[in-house]
Amino acid sequence: MISNTWRCVRASVTGTSHLATNKKCQDANAVLRTKDGTDDDVLILVVSDGAGSAMKSDEGAVMVCS
């Protein structure tokens, strides 16, 4: 059974340059709590900073995190 010792808070915030140019946040993050092969708890954290100058960077950031 996975223990309850892990606590995680995550957020993505629209930056000031994105606000000035009326663009949405292009960052993404993900958290996965699981077990490894020896039955130990494992916490996997993934973050992706979408490049604001690239088309569909928000979609790419979400894809990386999924």
Protein backbone atom coordinates (compact mmCIF):
# COMPACT_ATOMS: atom_id res chain seq x y z
CA MET A 1 0.00 0.00 0.00
CA ILE A 2 1.25 3.53 -0.78
CA SER A 3 1.97 5.47 2.39
CA ASN A 4 0.58 8.94 3.00
CA THR A 5 3.97 10.56 3.69
CA TRP A 6 4.11 12.47 0.40
CA ARG A 7 2.54 15.92 0.20
CA CYS A 8 2.68 17.95 -2.99
CA VAL A 9 1.43 21.37 -4.05
CA ARG A 10 1.68 22.38 -7.69
CA ALA A 11 0.73 25.41 -9.75
CA SER A 12 1.33 27.12 -13.06
CA VAL A 13 1.06 30.89 -13.15
CA THR A 14 0.77 33.20 -16.15
CA GLY A 15 3.89 35.40 -16.26
CA THR A 16 3.97 39.18 -16.62
CA SER A 17 5.10 39.10 -20.26
CA HIS A 18 2.23 36.75 -21.11
CA LEU A 19 -0.21 39.07 -19.35
CA ALA A 20 1.17 42.07 -21.26
CA THR A 21 0.72 40.30 -24.60
CA ASN A 22 -2.60 38.68 -23.64
CA LYS A 23 -1.24 35.11 -23.89
CA LYS A 24 -2.27 32.23 -21.66
CA CYS A 25 0.07 30.27 -19.40
CA GLN A 26 2.08 27.79 -21.47
CA ASP A 27 3.54 25.77 -18.62
CA ALA A 28 2.42 22.37 -17.36
CA ASN A 29 3.15 20.02 -14.49
CA ALA A 30 2.25 16.53 -13.33
CA VAL A 31 2.62 14.39 -10.21
CA LEU A 32 2.50 10.60 -9.99
CA ARG A 33 2.73 8.62 -6.78
CA THR A 34 3.45 4.93 -7.33
CA LYS A 35 5.49 1.92 -6.20
CA ASP A 36 8.82 0.67 -7.56
CA GLY A 37 9.85 -2.96 -8.13
CA THR A 38 10.86 -3.37 -4.46
CA ASP A 39 7.50 -2.08 -3.22
CA ASP A 40 8.98 1.26 -2.08
CA ASP A 41 7.03 4.48 -2.56
CA VAL A 42 8.11 6.64 -5.50
CA LEU A 43 7.10 10.22 -6.25
CA ILE A 44 7.53 11.39 -9.86
CA LEU A 45 7.35 15.13 -10.59
CA VAL A 46 7.42 16.56 -14.11
CA VAL A 47 7.49 20.22 -15.10
CA SER A 48 7.56 21.74 -18.57
CA ASP A 49 8.09 25.39 -19.43
CA GLY A 50 6.39 26.06 -22.77
CA ALA A 51 8.38 28.40 -25.05
CA GLY A 52 6.20 31.48 -25.44
CA SER A 53 7.56 32.20 -28.91
CA ALA A 54 6.63 28.76 -30.29
CA MET A 55 3.24 27.87 -31.74
CA LYS A 56 1.31 25.38 -29.61
CA SER A 57 3.94 25.43 -26.87
CA ASP A 58 1.17 24.99 -24.31
CA GLU A 59 0.12 21.75 -26.03
CA GLY A 60 3.75 20.57 -26.09
CA ALA A 61 4.18 21.27 -22.38
CA VAL A 62 1.04 19.26 -21.58
CA MET A 63 2.23 16.40 -23.82
CA VAL A 64 5.60 16.26 -22.04
CA CYS A 65 3.89 16.05 -18.67
CA SER A 66 1.45 13.37 -19.75
